[in-house]
Amino acid sequence: MTIAIALTSVIMKCFERLVKDHITSILPDTLDPLQFAYRPNRSTDDAIAITLHTALTHLDKRNTYVRMLFIDYSSAFNTIVPSKLVIQLETLGLDPALCNWVLDFLTGRSQVVRVGNNISTPLILNTGAPQGCVLSPLLYSLFTHDCVAKHASNSIIKFADDTTVVGLITNNDETAYREEVRALGVWCQENNLSLNVSKTKEMIVDFRKQEREHPPIHIEGTVVEKVESFKFLGVHITDKLNWSTHTDSVVKKAQQRLFNLRRLKKFGLSPKSLTNFYRCTIESILSGCITAWYGNCSAHNRKALQRVVRTAQRITGGKLPALQDTYTTRCHRKAKKIIKDNNHPSHCLFTPLSSRRRGQYRCIKAGTERLKNSFYLKAIRLLNSHH
């Protein structure tokens, strides 16, 4: 199968970056706080951490469970209607001249397919944002900025076109969650977005002792598949909220890169160059989104991860930071950034104590070890201990 990606010229990409930076600088602070893509001080770490915190705080209560619906769209970028996008941009306060430029950029695009020396007949496109362009992901996130939860017990968490509905269920009452899913389907129809039901998955997290049957979710008359594990923004989440699946995957991928590190040593690279290679290609895998998941890793998981670091250390011949230290440092750094950002959706979780205890933050109550070991509670403990 061949996948076509529309590319703009290098000069055009440079201009797109200027336009993208200009748009992001004038967006209102009221923009959907749960859209984590293309926003300053937001990342996949934040999206995962707030999803887990939302679930864990709810599961700390009696007779509760959580349903997570991981939405997949069919060719999301290609289905954007430029005229509707411009209306969304105008409601966000963008200058009409800029909106008209975006409309002109997305319409009347001539596109051909080249295979070897053969070129197809040109096709004029007036729908969609071309994949491979700098502006397209930002324009998509702005196009969907009004796709937000209707009920307080639900959250719709987005990272560009990755969309997750988190439903907090109490006393087996799923009314609000099911209405949310129906409302999302209606919103998609109104905005020309097509849900790919076969690739949309649902995961149910239920720690109650008495096992219960959970009626499936239907979208467009089709049952959504229930899964025990899902790769969410690059991190494997399971319905038990343990991290063996993720750490096993990470360790396997990192060990494959160790082979390359050994080869480079045989070629005579200096210890400094070997360490740089490790930091770029192996540590980046081991520590990806580490603030969101490492706190709840089992001792066995942590040993497996650290074993990779020790092996790399023997190969490079230099001292490498332990993953525990990397985790602690990043938690502390991220917490300080969130505190300085009043618009961050997690800013409200860091509540300062009285002026007499400056630099101290109110601890979040937790009844389970899962919640106690999660990012926000760990970060607050670190901040208070560093005071």
Foldseek 3Di string as FASTA:
>chain_A
DDDDFDADDPVVLVVLVVLLVVLQVLFDLPFQLQAQAPHPLGDLLQNLQVLLLLQQVLLLDPQKKKKKKWWDWDQLQQQFQLVLLLVLSVVRPDDNVSSVVSQVVQFQDWDWDDDPNDIDDTDGDNGGDTGNHPCRLVSQCSSCRPLFQPDPQWGWHHHRPTTMIMGMDHPNDCPSVLVSVVVNLVVCVVRRIGIPQAPIEMEMADPDPDDDDDDFHDDPNHTRHYDQWDQRSNAIAGSPRERPVRLVVLLVQLVVVVVVLLVVVVVPDALVVSVVSCVPRRVCSLCPSVLARVLRYDPVSLVSSQVSVVSSCVSSVHDDDRVVVVNLVVLQVSLVVLCVDPSNPCNVVFADDDPVLPQAGDADDGDDSSSCSGSSNSNNVSSSVVD
